[in-house]
Full PDB file with SEQRES, HELIX, SHEET, SSBOND, CRYST1, ORIGX, SCALE, CONECT and MASTER records, all heavy atoms in Angstrom:
SEQRES   1 A   41  GLY ASP THR VAL GLY ASP PHE ARG LEU PRO GLY GLY HIS          
SEQRES   2 A   41  LEU HIS GLY GLU THR PHE ARG ARG ALA ASP TYR THR LEU          
SEQRES   3 A   41  HIS GLY GLU ARG GLY ARG PRO LEU VAL LEU ALA PHE TYR          
SEQRES   4 A   41  PRO GLY                                                      
HELIX    1 AA1 ARG A   21  ASP A   23  5                                   3    
SHEET    1 AA1 2 ARG A   8  GLY A  11  0                                        
SHEET    2 AA1 2 GLU A  17  ARG A  20 -1                                        
CRYST1    1.000    1.000    1.000  90.00  90.00  90.00 P 1           1          
ORIGX1      1.000000  0.000000  0.000000        0.00000                         
ORIGX2      0.000000  1.000000  0.000000        0.00000                         
ORIGX3      0.000000  0.000000  1.000000        0.00000                         
SCALE1      1.000000  0.000000  0.000000        0.00000                         
SCALE2      0.000000  1.000000  0.000000        0.00000                         
SCALE3      0.000000  0.000000  1.000000        0.00000                         
ATOM      1  N   GLY A   1     -15.548  40.071  49.832  1.00  0.00           N  
ATOM      2  CA  GLY A   1     -14.239  40.726  49.570  1.00  0.00           C  
ATOM      3  C   GLY A   1     -14.183  41.037  47.963  1.00  0.00           C  
ATOM      4  O   GLY A   1     -13.335  41.883  47.574  1.00  0.00           O  
ATOM      5  N   ASP A   2     -15.263  40.616  47.168  1.00  0.00           N  
ATOM      6  CA  ASP A   2     -15.209  40.908  45.871  1.00  0.00           C  
ATOM      7  C   ASP A   2     -15.642  42.346  45.593  1.00  0.00           C  
ATOM      8  O   ASP A   2     -16.441  42.889  46.294  1.00  0.00           O  
ATOM      9  CB  ASP A   2     -16.345  39.964  44.990  1.00  0.00           C  
ATOM     10  CG  ASP A   2     -15.779  38.656  44.687  1.00  0.00           C  
ATOM     11  OD1 ASP A   2     -14.560  38.303  44.946  1.00  0.00           O  
ATOM     12  OD2 ASP A   2     -16.658  37.889  44.145  1.00  0.00           O  
ATOM     13  N   THR A   3     -15.049  43.081  44.607  1.00  0.00           N  
ATOM     14  CA  THR A   3     -15.495  44.285  44.252  1.00  0.00           C  
ATOM     15  C   THR A   3     -16.844  44.279  43.594  1.00  0.00           C  
ATOM     16  O   THR A   3     -16.968  43.386  42.619  1.00  0.00           O  
ATOM     17  CB  THR A   3     -14.531  45.039  43.424  1.00  0.00           C  
ATOM     18  OG1 THR A   3     -13.165  45.236  43.988  1.00  0.00           O  
ATOM     19  CG2 THR A   3     -14.958  46.412  42.920  1.00  0.00           C  
ATOM     20  N   VAL A   4     -17.823  45.005  43.996  1.00  0.00           N  
ATOM     21  CA  VAL A   4     -19.156  45.115  43.352  1.00  0.00           C  
ATOM     22  C   VAL A   4     -19.148  46.142  42.268  1.00  0.00           C  
ATOM     23  O   VAL A   4     -18.831  47.393  42.567  1.00  0.00           O  
ATOM     24  CB  VAL A   4     -20.223  45.328  44.428  1.00  0.00           C  
ATOM     25  CG1 VAL A   4     -21.554  45.490  43.840  1.00  0.00           C  
ATOM     26  CG2 VAL A   4     -20.189  44.252  45.545  1.00  0.00           C  
ATOM     27  N   GLY A   5     -19.638  45.780  41.122  1.00  0.00           N  
ATOM     28  CA  GLY A   5     -19.704  46.712  39.987  1.00  0.00           C  
ATOM     29  C   GLY A   5     -20.693  47.714  40.161  1.00  0.00           C  
ATOM     30  O   GLY A   5     -21.674  47.653  40.953  1.00  0.00           O  
ATOM     31  N   ASP A   6     -20.586  48.834  39.379  1.00  0.00           N  
ATOM     32  CA  ASP A   6     -21.523  49.846  39.411  1.00  0.00           C  
ATOM     33  C   ASP A   6     -22.907  49.454  38.801  1.00  0.00           C  
ATOM     34  O   ASP A   6     -23.000  48.634  37.834  1.00  0.00           O  
ATOM     35  CB  ASP A   6     -20.971  51.126  38.746  1.00  0.00           C  
ATOM     36  CG  ASP A   6     -21.748  52.456  38.918  1.00  0.00           C  
ATOM     37  OD1 ASP A   6     -22.467  52.433  39.866  1.00  0.00           O  
ATOM     38  OD2 ASP A   6     -21.477  53.399  38.162  1.00  0.00           O  
ATOM     39  N   PHE A   7     -23.998  50.117  39.055  1.00  0.00           N  
ATOM     40  CA  PHE A   7     -25.217  49.961  38.340  1.00  0.00           C  
ATOM     41  C   PHE A   7     -25.995  51.149  38.690  1.00  0.00           C  
ATOM     42  O   PHE A   7     -25.741  52.038  39.577  1.00  0.00           O  
ATOM     43  CB  PHE A   7     -25.948  48.728  38.800  1.00  0.00           C  
ATOM     44  CG  PHE A   7     -26.392  48.708  40.260  1.00  0.00           C  
ATOM     45  CD1 PHE A   7     -27.518  49.258  40.752  1.00  0.00           C  
ATOM     46  CD2 PHE A   7     -25.607  47.965  41.259  1.00  0.00           C  
ATOM     47  CE1 PHE A   7     -27.876  49.190  42.041  1.00  0.00           C  
ATOM     48  CE2 PHE A   7     -26.015  48.006  42.530  1.00  0.00           C  
ATOM     49  CZ  PHE A   7     -27.065  48.534  42.877  1.00  0.00           C  
ATOM     50  N   ARG A   8     -27.182  51.454  37.781  1.00  0.00           N  
ATOM     51  CA  ARG A   8     -28.042  52.546  37.966  1.00  0.00           C  
ATOM     52  C   ARG A   8     -29.458  51.920  37.947  1.00  0.00           C  
ATOM     53  O   ARG A   8     -29.679  51.122  36.977  1.00  0.00           O  
ATOM     54  CB  ARG A   8     -27.911  53.525  36.841  1.00  0.00           C  
ATOM     55  CG  ARG A   8     -26.562  54.281  36.780  1.00  0.00           C  
ATOM     56  CD  ARG A   8     -26.490  55.112  35.538  1.00  0.00           C  
ATOM     57  NE  ARG A   8     -25.196  55.606  35.263  1.00  0.00           N  
ATOM     58  CZ  ARG A   8     -24.859  56.864  35.560  1.00  0.00           C  
ATOM     59  NH1 ARG A   8     -25.588  57.680  36.024  1.00  0.00           N  
ATOM     60  NH2 ARG A   8     -23.593  57.184  35.344  1.00  0.00           N  
ATOM     61  N   LEU A   9     -30.233  52.396  38.703  1.00  0.00           N  
ATOM     62  CA  LEU A   9     -31.732  51.944  38.760  1.00  0.00           C  
ATOM     63  C   LEU A   9     -32.601  53.092  39.082  1.00  0.00           C  
ATOM     64  O   LEU A   9     -32.319  53.934  39.837  1.00  0.00           O  
ATOM     65  CB  LEU A   9     -31.943  50.845  39.674  1.00  0.00           C  
ATOM     66  CG  LEU A   9     -31.361  49.545  39.473  1.00  0.00           C  
ATOM     67  CD1 LEU A   9     -31.567  48.493  40.632  1.00  0.00           C  
ATOM     68  CD2 LEU A   9     -31.936  48.814  38.219  1.00  0.00           C  
ATOM     69  N   PRO A  10     -33.794  53.203  38.402  1.00  0.00           N  
ATOM     70  CA  PRO A  10     -34.764  54.173  38.773  1.00  0.00           C  
ATOM     71  C   PRO A  10     -35.406  53.756  40.205  1.00  0.00           C  
ATOM     72  O   PRO A  10     -35.643  52.577  40.400  1.00  0.00           O  
ATOM     73  CB  PRO A  10     -35.710  54.041  37.614  1.00  0.00           C  
ATOM     74  CG  PRO A  10     -35.716  52.704  37.115  1.00  0.00           C  
ATOM     75  CD  PRO A  10     -34.228  52.222  37.341  1.00  0.00           C  
ATOM     76  N   GLY A  11     -35.937  54.752  40.693  1.00  0.00           N  
ATOM     77  CA  GLY A  11     -36.676  54.471  41.903  1.00  0.00           C  
ATOM     78  C   GLY A  11     -36.893  55.716  42.884  1.00  0.00           C  
ATOM     79  O   GLY A  11     -36.690  56.841  42.459  1.00  0.00           O  
ATOM     80  N   GLY A  12     -37.007  55.432  44.052  1.00  0.00           N  
ATOM     81  CA  GLY A  12     -36.962  56.456  45.169  1.00  0.00           C  
ATOM     82  C   GLY A  12     -38.390  56.721  45.716  1.00  0.00           C  
ATOM     83  O   GLY A  12     -39.354  56.019  45.478  1.00  0.00           O  
ATOM     84  N   HIS A  13     -38.480  58.055  46.000  1.00  0.00           N  
ATOM     85  CA  HIS A  13     -39.851  58.490  46.364  1.00  0.00           C  
ATOM     86  C   HIS A  13     -40.519  59.542  45.416  1.00  0.00           C  
ATOM     87  O   HIS A  13     -41.625  59.727  45.577  1.00  0.00           O  
ATOM     88  CB  HIS A  13     -39.823  59.085  47.802  1.00  0.00           C  
ATOM     89  CG  HIS A  13     -39.271  58.268  48.872  1.00  0.00           C  
ATOM     90  ND1 HIS A  13     -39.909  57.164  49.316  1.00  0.00           N  
ATOM     91  CD2 HIS A  13     -37.922  58.300  49.392  1.00  0.00           C  
ATOM     92  CE1 HIS A  13     -39.180  56.570  50.143  1.00  0.00           C  
ATOM     93  NE2 HIS A  13     -38.024  57.123  50.238  1.00  0.00           N  
ATOM     94  N   LEU A  14     -39.829  59.858  44.435  1.00  0.00           N  
ATOM     95  CA  LEU A  14     -40.318  60.738  43.361  1.00  0.00           C  
ATOM     96  C   LEU A  14     -40.061  60.218  42.078  1.00  0.00           C  
ATOM     97  O   LEU A  14     -38.942  59.551  41.776  1.00  0.00           O  
ATOM     98  CB  LEU A  14     -39.750  62.137  43.506  1.00  0.00           C  
ATOM     99  CG  LEU A  14     -40.089  62.862  44.804  1.00  0.00           C  
ATOM    100  CD1 LEU A  14     -39.074  64.043  44.882  1.00  0.00           C  
ATOM    101  CD2 LEU A  14     -41.250  63.289  44.959  1.00  0.00           C  
ATOM    102  N   HIS A  15     -40.829  60.261  41.015  1.00  0.00           N  
ATOM    103  CA  HIS A  15     -40.507  59.796  39.654  1.00  0.00           C  
ATOM    104  C   HIS A  15     -39.165  60.684  39.186  1.00  0.00           C  
ATOM    105  O   HIS A  15     -39.125  61.695  39.623  1.00  0.00           O  
ATOM    106  CB  HIS A  15     -41.647  60.075  38.795  1.00  0.00           C  
ATOM    107  CG  HIS A  15     -42.697  58.977  38.739  1.00  0.00           C  
ATOM    108  ND1 HIS A  15     -42.372  57.774  38.265  1.00  0.00           N  
ATOM    109  CD2 HIS A  15     -43.884  58.979  39.193  1.00  0.00           C  
ATOM    110  CE1 HIS A  15     -43.560  57.071  38.400  1.00  0.00           C  
ATOM    111  NE2 HIS A  15     -44.486  57.792  38.925  1.00  0.00           N  
ATOM    112  N   GLY A  16     -38.539  59.849  38.404  1.00  0.00           N  
ATOM    113  CA  GLY A  16     -37.359  60.719  37.783  1.00  0.00           C  
ATOM    114  C   GLY A  16     -36.040  60.465  38.533  1.00  0.00           C  
ATOM    115  O   GLY A  16     -34.986  60.823  38.066  1.00  0.00           O  
ATOM    116  N   GLU A  17     -36.066  59.803  39.684  1.00  0.00           N  
ATOM    117  CA  GLU A  17     -34.817  59.659  40.483  1.00  0.00           C  
ATOM    118  C   GLU A  17     -34.096  58.420  39.846  1.00  0.00           C  
ATOM    119  O   GLU A  17     -34.753  57.529  39.618  1.00  0.00           O  
ATOM    120  CB  GLU A  17     -35.058  59.417  41.945  1.00  0.00           C  
ATOM    121  CG  GLU A  17     -35.566  60.651  42.674  1.00  0.00           C  
ATOM    122  CD  GLU A  17     -35.698  60.341  44.189  1.00  0.00           C  
ATOM    123  OE1 GLU A  17     -34.735  60.444  44.964  1.00  0.00           O  
ATOM    124  OE2 GLU A  17     -36.827  60.049  44.522  1.00  0.00           O  
ATOM    125  N   THR A  18     -32.772  58.582  39.777  1.00  0.00           N  
ATOM    126  CA  THR A  18     -31.948  57.457  39.400  1.00  0.00           C  
ATOM    127  C   THR A  18     -30.936  57.353  40.520  1.00  0.00           C  
ATOM    128  O   THR A  18     -30.393  58.246  41.013  1.00  0.00           O  
ATOM    129  CB  THR A  18     -31.278  57.743  38.101  1.00  0.00           C  
ATOM    130  OG1 THR A  18     -32.235  57.892  37.039  1.00  0.00           O  
ATOM    131  CG2 THR A  18     -30.368  56.550  37.672  1.00  0.00           C  
ATOM    132  N   PHE A  19     -30.725  56.136  40.913  1.00  0.00           N  
ATOM    133  CA  PHE A  19     -29.792  55.619  41.934  1.00  0.00           C  
ATOM    134  C   PHE A  19     -28.535  54.957  41.405  1.00  0.00           C  
ATOM    135  O   PHE A  19     -28.800  54.028  40.721  1.00  0.00           O  
ATOM    136  CB  PHE A  19     -30.476  54.887  43.102  1.00  0.00           C  
ATOM    137  CG  PHE A  19     -31.449  55.678  43.848  1.00  0.00           C  
ATOM    138  CD1 PHE A  19     -32.782  55.957  43.353  1.00  0.00           C  
ATOM    139  CD2 PHE A  19     -31.143  56.174  45.141  1.00  0.00           C  
ATOM    140  CE1 PHE A  19     -33.684  56.764  44.090  1.00  0.00           C  
ATOM    141  CE2 PHE A  19     -32.122  56.992  45.796  1.00  0.00           C  
ATOM    142  CZ  PHE A  19     -33.366  57.146  45.179  1.00  0.00           C  
ATOM    143  N   ARG A  20     -27.486  55.381  41.648  1.00  0.00           N  
ATOM    144  CA  ARG A  20     -26.165  54.816  41.145  1.00  0.00           C  
ATOM    145  C   ARG A  20     -25.376  54.216  42.359  1.00  0.00           C  
ATOM    146  O   ARG A  20     -25.170  55.002  43.278  1.00  0.00           O  
ATOM    147  CB  ARG A  20     -25.547  55.828  40.431  1.00  0.00           C  
ATOM    148  CG  ARG A  20     -24.152  55.323  39.757  1.00  0.00           C  
ATOM    149  CD  ARG A  20     -23.585  56.398  38.906  1.00  0.00           C  
ATOM    150  NE  ARG A  20     -22.269  55.776  38.455  1.00  0.00           N  
ATOM    151  CZ  ARG A  20     -21.113  56.470  38.354  1.00  0.00           C  
ATOM    152  NH1 ARG A  20     -20.973  57.770  38.722  1.00  0.00           N  
ATOM    153  NH2 ARG A  20     -19.984  55.824  37.851  1.00  0.00           N  
ATOM    154  N   ARG A  21     -25.102  53.025  42.258  1.00  0.00           N  
ATOM    155  CA  ARG A  21     -24.236  52.397  43.406  1.00  0.00           C  
ATOM    156  C   ARG A  21     -23.012  53.181  43.603  1.00  0.00           C  
ATOM    157  O   ARG A  21     -22.690  53.437  44.791  1.00  0.00           O  
ATOM    158  CB  ARG A  21     -23.884  50.905  43.063  1.00  0.00           C  
ATOM    159  CG  ARG A  21     -23.583  50.096  44.226  1.00  0.00           C  
ATOM    160  CD  ARG A  21     -22.250  49.837  44.484  1.00  0.00           C  
ATOM    161  NE  ARG A  21     -21.322  49.738  43.331  1.00  0.00           N  
ATOM    162  CZ  ARG A  21     -20.150  50.345  43.249  1.00  0.00           C  
ATOM    163  NH1 ARG A  21     -19.840  51.146  44.324  1.00  0.00           N  
ATOM    164  NH2 ARG A  21     -19.408  50.302  42.299  1.00  0.00           N  
ATOM    165  N   ALA A  22     -22.370  53.577  42.586  1.00  0.00           N  
ATOM    166  CA  ALA A  22     -20.927  54.107  42.877  1.00  0.00           C  
ATOM    167  C   ALA A  22     -21.043  55.554  43.547  1.00  0.00           C  
ATOM    168  O   ALA A  22     -20.097  55.993  44.149  1.00  0.00           O  
ATOM    169  CB  ALA A  22     -20.234  54.284  41.469  1.00  0.00           C  
ATOM    170  N   ASP A  23     -22.235  56.189  43.524  1.00  0.00           N  
ATOM    171  CA  ASP A  23     -22.419  57.339  44.323  1.00  0.00           C  
ATOM    172  C   ASP A  23     -22.442  57.251  45.772  1.00  0.00           C  
ATOM    173  O   ASP A  23     -22.351  58.128  46.482  1.00  0.00           O  
ATOM    174  CB  ASP A  23     -23.737  58.099  43.845  1.00  0.00           C  
ATOM    175  CG  ASP A  23     -23.638  58.687  42.403  1.00  0.00           C  
ATOM    176  OD1 ASP A  23     -22.570  58.730  41.968  1.00  0.00           O  
ATOM    177  OD2 ASP A  23     -24.841  58.792  41.845  1.00  0.00           O  
ATOM    178  N   TYR A  24     -22.623  55.946  46.227  1.00  0.00           N  
ATOM    179  CA  TYR A  24     -22.634  55.718  47.583  1.00  0.00           C  
ATOM    180  C   TYR A  24     -21.263  55.006  48.239  1.00  0.00           C  
ATOM    181  O   TYR A  24     -20.937  55.205  49.414  1.00  0.00           O  
ATOM    182  CB  TYR A  24     -23.833  54.914  48.037  1.00  0.00           C  
ATOM    183  CG  TYR A  24     -25.149  55.765  47.826  1.00  0.00           C  
ATOM    184  CD1 TYR A  24     -25.589  55.980  46.548  1.00  0.00           C  
ATOM    185  CD2 TYR A  24     -25.603  56.508  48.855  1.00  0.00           C  
ATOM    186  CE1 TYR A  24     -26.765  56.831  46.311  1.00  0.00           C  
ATOM    187  CE2 TYR A  24     -26.665  57.390  48.581  1.00  0.00           C  
ATOM    188  CZ  TYR A  24     -27.213  57.463  47.398  1.00  0.00           C  
ATOM    189  OH  TYR A  24     -28.325  58.327  47.295  1.00  0.00           O  
ATOM    190  N   THR A  25     -20.869  54.203  47.406  1.00  0.00           N  
ATOM    191  CA  THR A  25     -19.560  53.483  47.752  1.00  0.00           C  
ATOM    192  C   THR A  25     -18.603  53.881  46.733  1.00  0.00           C  
ATOM    193  O   THR A  25     -18.544  53.247  45.602  1.00  0.00           O  
ATOM    194  CB  THR A  25     -19.826  51.936  47.969  1.00  0.00           C  
ATOM    195  OG1 THR A  25     -20.247  51.474  46.753  1.00  0.00           O  
ATOM    196  CG2 THR A  25     -20.738  51.593  49.021  1.00  0.00           C  
ATOM    197  N   LEU A  26     -17.694  54.769  46.913  1.00  0.00           N  
ATOM    198  CA  LEU A  26     -16.803  55.289  45.886  1.00  0.00           C  
ATOM    199  C   LEU A  26     -15.487  54.651  45.936  1.00  0.00           C  
ATOM    200  O   LEU A  26     -14.749  54.766  47.023  1.00  0.00           O  
ATOM    201  CB  LEU A  26     -16.688  56.720  45.991  1.00  0.00           C  
ATOM    202  CG  LEU A  26     -17.989  57.459  45.976  1.00  0.00           C  
ATOM    203  CD1 LEU A  26     -17.831  59.010  46.274  1.00  0.00           C  
ATOM    204  CD2 LEU A  26     -18.620  57.418  44.638  1.00  0.00           C  
ATOM    205  N   HIS A  27     -15.093  53.875  44.915  1.00  0.00           N  
ATOM    206  CA  HIS A  27     -13.815  53.179  44.932  1.00  0.00           C  
ATOM    207  C   HIS A  27     -12.696  54.290  44.885  1.00  0.00           C  
ATOM    208  O   HIS A  27     -12.790  55.199  44.123  1.00  0.00           O  
ATOM    209  CB  HIS A  27     -13.707  52.263  43.689  1.00  0.00           C  
ATOM    210  CG  HIS A  27     -12.491  51.426  43.731  1.00  0.00           C  
ATOM    211  ND1 HIS A  27     -12.365  50.463  44.787  1.00  0.00           N  
ATOM    212  CD2 HIS A  27     -11.354  51.346  43.012  1.00  0.00           C  
ATOM    213  CE1 HIS A  27     -11.124  49.887  44.537  1.00  0.00           C  
ATOM    214  NE2 HIS A  27     -10.585  50.277  43.425  1.00  0.00           N  
ATOM    215  N   GLY A  28     -11.617  54.106  45.730  1.00  0.00           N  
ATOM    216  CA  GLY A  28     -10.630  55.126  45.674  1.00  0.00           C  
ATOM    217  C   GLY A  28     -10.989  56.309  46.692  1.00  0.00           C  
ATOM    218  O   GLY A  28      -9.968  56.980  47.051  1.00  0.00           O  
ATOM    219  N   GLU A  29     -12.110  56.395  47.172  1.00  0.00           N  
ATOM    220  CA  GLU A  29     -12.474  57.423  48.149  1.00  0.00           C  
ATOM    221  C   GLU A  29     -13.304  56.708  49.199  1.00  0.00           C  
ATOM    222  O   GLU A  29     -13.953  55.693  48.977  1.00  0.00           O  
ATOM    223  CB  GLU A  29     -13.249  58.456  47.629  1.00  0.00           C  
ATOM    224  CG  GLU A  29     -12.631  59.290  46.491  1.00  0.00           C  
ATOM    225  CD  GLU A  29     -13.508  60.410  45.927  1.00  0.00           C  
ATOM    226  OE1 GLU A  29     -14.312  60.909  46.684  1.00  0.00           O  
ATOM    227  OE2 GLU A  29     -13.305  60.709  44.797  1.00  0.00           O  
ATOM    228  N   ARG A  30     -13.324  57.251  50.431  1.00  0.00           N  
ATOM    229  CA  ARG A  30     -14.128  56.637  51.372  1.00  0.00           C  
ATOM    230  C   ARG A  30     -15.527  57.037  51.296  1.00  0.00           C  
ATOM    231  O   ARG A  30     -15.981  58.333  51.315  1.00  0.00           O  
ATOM    232  CB  ARG A  30     -13.713  57.126  52.820  1.00  0.00           C  
ATOM    233  CG  ARG A  30     -12.309  56.471  53.269  1.00  0.00           C  
ATOM    234  CD  ARG A  30     -12.258  55.066  53.283  1.00  0.00           C  
ATOM    235  NE  ARG A  30     -12.924  54.610  54.477  1.00  0.00           N  
ATOM    236  CZ  ARG A  30     -13.120  53.269  54.783  1.00  0.00           C  
ATOM    237  NH1 ARG A  30     -12.588  52.494  53.964  1.00  0.00           N  
ATOM    238  NH2 ARG A  30     -13.960  52.993  55.834  1.00  0.00           N  
ATOM    239  N   GLY A  31     -16.383  56.064  50.962  1.00  0.00           N  
ATOM    240  CA  GLY A  31     -17.822  56.452  50.813  1.00  0.00           C  
ATOM    241  C   GLY A  31     -18.571  55.894  52.023  1.00  0.00           C  
ATOM    242  O   GLY A  31     -18.070  55.717  53.087  1.00  0.00           O  
ATOM    243  N   ARG A  32     -19.802  55.484  51.759  1.00  0.00           N  
ATOM    244  CA  ARG A  32     -20.678  54.986  52.763  1.00  0.00           C  
ATOM    245  C   ARG A  32     -21.047  53.520  52.507  1.00  0.00           C  
ATOM    246  O   ARG A  32     -21.130  53.111  51.391  1.00  0.00           O  
ATOM    247  CB  ARG A  32     -21.991  55.781  52.900  1.00  0.00           C  
ATOM    248  CG  ARG A  32     -21.823  57.107  53.353  1.00  0.00           C  
ATOM    249  CD  ARG A  32     -23.053  57.890  53.360  1.00  0.00           C  
ATOM    250  NE  ARG A  32     -23.482  58.233  51.935  1.00  0.00           N  
ATOM    251  CZ  ARG A  32     -24.338  58.989  51.369  1.00  0.00           C  
ATOM    252  NH1 ARG A  32     -25.258  59.543  52.315  1.00  0.00           N  
ATOM    253  NH2 ARG A  32     -24.648  59.213  50.197  1.00  0.00           N  
ATOM    254  N   PRO A  33     -21.139  52.647  53.571  1.00  0.00           N  
ATOM    255  CA  PRO A  33     -21.676  51.327  53.207  1.00  0.00           C  
ATOM    256  C   PRO A  33     -23.048  51.406  52.644  1.00  0.00           C  
ATOM    257  O   PRO A  33     -23.899  52.301  53.023  1.00  0.00           O  
ATOM    258  CB  PRO A  33     -21.657  50.697  54.661  1.00  0.00           C  
ATOM    259  CG  PRO A  33     -20.922  51.545  55.532  1.00  0.00           C  
ATOM    260  CD  PRO A  33     -21.019  52.927  55.014  1.00  0.00           C  
ATOM    261  N   LEU A  34     -23.317  50.440  51.856  1.00  0.00           N  
ATOM    262  CA  LEU A  34     -24.668  50.379  51.222  1.00  0.00           C  
ATOM    263  C   LEU A  34     -25.361  49.068  51.403  1.00  0.00           C  
ATOM    264  O   LEU A  34     -24.642  47.918  51.223  1.00  0.00           O  
ATOM    265  CB  LEU A  34     -24.454  50.541  49.638  1.00  0.00           C  
ATOM    266  CG  LEU A  34     -25.728  50.629  48.827  1.00  0.00           C  
ATOM    267  CD1 LEU A  34     -26.689  51.663  49.210  1.00  0.00           C  
ATOM    268  CD2 LEU A  34     -25.246  50.809  47.278  1.00  0.00           C  
ATOM    269  N   VAL A  35     -26.430  48.925  51.995  1.00  0.00           N  
ATOM    270  CA  VAL A  35     -27.279  47.782  52.201  1.00  0.00           C  
ATOM    271  C   VAL A  35     -28.272  47.638  50.992  1.00  0.00           C  
ATOM    272  O   VAL A  35     -29.077  48.459  50.782  1.00  0.00           O  
ATOM    273  CB  VAL A  35     -28.065  47.740  53.536  1.00  0.00           C  
ATOM    274  CG1 VAL A  35     -28.866  46.537  53.641  1.00  0.00           C  
ATOM    275  CG2 VAL A  35     -26.998  48.074  54.612  1.00  0.00           C  
ATOM    276  N   LEU A  36     -28.131  46.496  50.243  1.00  0.00           N  
ATOM    277  CA  LEU A  36     -29.068  46.171  49.158  1.00  0.00           C  
ATOM    278  C   LEU A  36     -29.968  45.068  49.559  1.00  0.00           C  
ATOM    279  O   LEU A  36     -29.587  43.971  49.889  1.00  0.00           O  
ATOM    280  CB  LEU A  36     -28.249  45.837  47.846  1.00  0.00           C  
ATOM    281  CG  LEU A  36     -27.255  46.814  47.352  1.00  0.00           C  
ATOM    282  CD1 LEU A  36     -26.469  46.181  46.178  1.00  0.00           C  
ATOM    283  CD2 LEU A  36     -27.901  48.045  47.028  1.00  0.00           C  
ATOM    284  N   ALA A  37     -31.348  45.324  49.662  1.00  0.00           N  
ATOM    285  CA  ALA A  37     -32.187  44.262  50.088  1.00  0.00           C  
ATOM    286  C   ALA A  37     -33.098  43.909  48.832  1.00  0.00           C  
ATOM    287  O   ALA A  37     -33.955  44.729  48.469  1.00  0.00           O  
ATOM    288  CB  ALA A  37     -33.121  44.828  51.208  1.00  0.00           C  
ATOM    289  N   PHE A  38     -32.759  42.843  48.191  1.00  0.00           N  
ATOM    290  CA  PHE A  38     -33.503  42.438  47.062  1.00  0.00           C  
ATOM    291  C   PHE A  38     -34.656  41.615  47.626  1.00  0.00           C  
ATOM    292  O   PHE A  38     -34.504  40.747  48.547  1.00  0.00           O  
ATOM    293  CB  PHE A  38     -32.641  41.436  46.166  1.00  0.00           C  
ATOM    294  CG  PHE A  38     -31.580  42.194  45.414  1.00  0.00           C  
ATOM    295  CD1 PHE A  38     -30.291  42.359  46.050  1.00  0.00           C  
ATOM    296  CD2 PHE A  38     -31.804  42.605  44.144  1.00  0.00           C  
ATOM    297  CE1 PHE A  38     -29.193  43.050  45.237  1.00  0.00           C  
ATOM    298  CE2 PHE A  38     -30.797  43.209  43.392  1.00  0.00           C  
ATOM    299  CZ  PHE A  38     -29.565  43.498  43.976  1.00  0.00           C  
ATOM    300  N   TYR A  39     -35.871  41.882  47.123  1.00  0.00           N  
ATOM    301  CA  TYR A  39     -37.099  41.282  47.461  1.00  0.00           C  
ATOM    302  C   TYR A  39     -37.894  40.755  46.278  1.00  0.00           C  
ATOM    303  O   TYR A  39     -37.962  41.546  45.329  1.00  0.00           O  
ATOM    304  CB  TYR A  39     -37.757  41.930  48.560  1.00  0.00           C  
ATOM    305  CG  TYR A  39     -38.345  43.275  48.064  1.00  0.00           C  
ATOM    306  CD1 TYR A  39     -39.691  43.469  47.684  1.00  0.00           C  
ATOM    307  CD2 TYR A  39     -37.636  44.508  47.921  1.00  0.00           C  
ATOM    308  CE1 TYR A  39     -40.269  44.644  47.160  1.00  0.00           C  
ATOM    309  CE2 TYR A  39     -38.154  45.611  47.451  1.00  0.00           C  
ATOM    310  CZ  TYR A  39     -39.388  45.671  47.096  1.00  0.00           C  
ATOM    311  OH  TYR A  39     -39.877  46.920  46.702  1.00  0.00           O  
ATOM    312  N   PRO A  40     -38.744  39.788  46.287  1.00  0.00           N  
ATOM    313  CA  PRO A  40     -39.339  39.246  45.164  1.00  0.00           C  
ATOM    314  C   PRO A  40     -40.484  40.184  44.747  1.00  0.00           C  
ATOM    315  O   PRO A  40     -40.843  40.399  43.494  1.00  0.00           O  
ATOM    316  CB  PRO A  40     -40.005  37.865  45.553  1.00  0.00           C  
ATOM    317  CG  PRO A  40     -38.947  37.417  46.525  1.00  0.00           C  
ATOM    318  CD  PRO A  40     -38.596  38.646  47.258  1.00  0.00           C  
ATOM    319  N   GLY A  41     -41.281  40.781  45.763  1.00  0.00           N  
ATOM    320  CA  GLY A  41     -42.508  41.551  45.287  1.00  0.00           C  
ATOM    321  C   GLY A  41     -43.029  42.526  46.324  1.00  0.00           C  
ATOM    322  O   GLY A  41     -43.124  42.265  47.440  1.00  0.00           O  
TER     323      GLY A  41                                                      
MASTER        0    0    0    1    2    0    0    6  322    1    0    4          
END                                                                             
């Protein structure tokens, strides 16, 4: 139920991509659910 803060991280399938959490789940607008799978290595 907690609101998850925004963040930006580099990654993807091409160099230079930046992924921003707020671009997928937009507070105040209906966005998309986001699954974050953290893994050690």
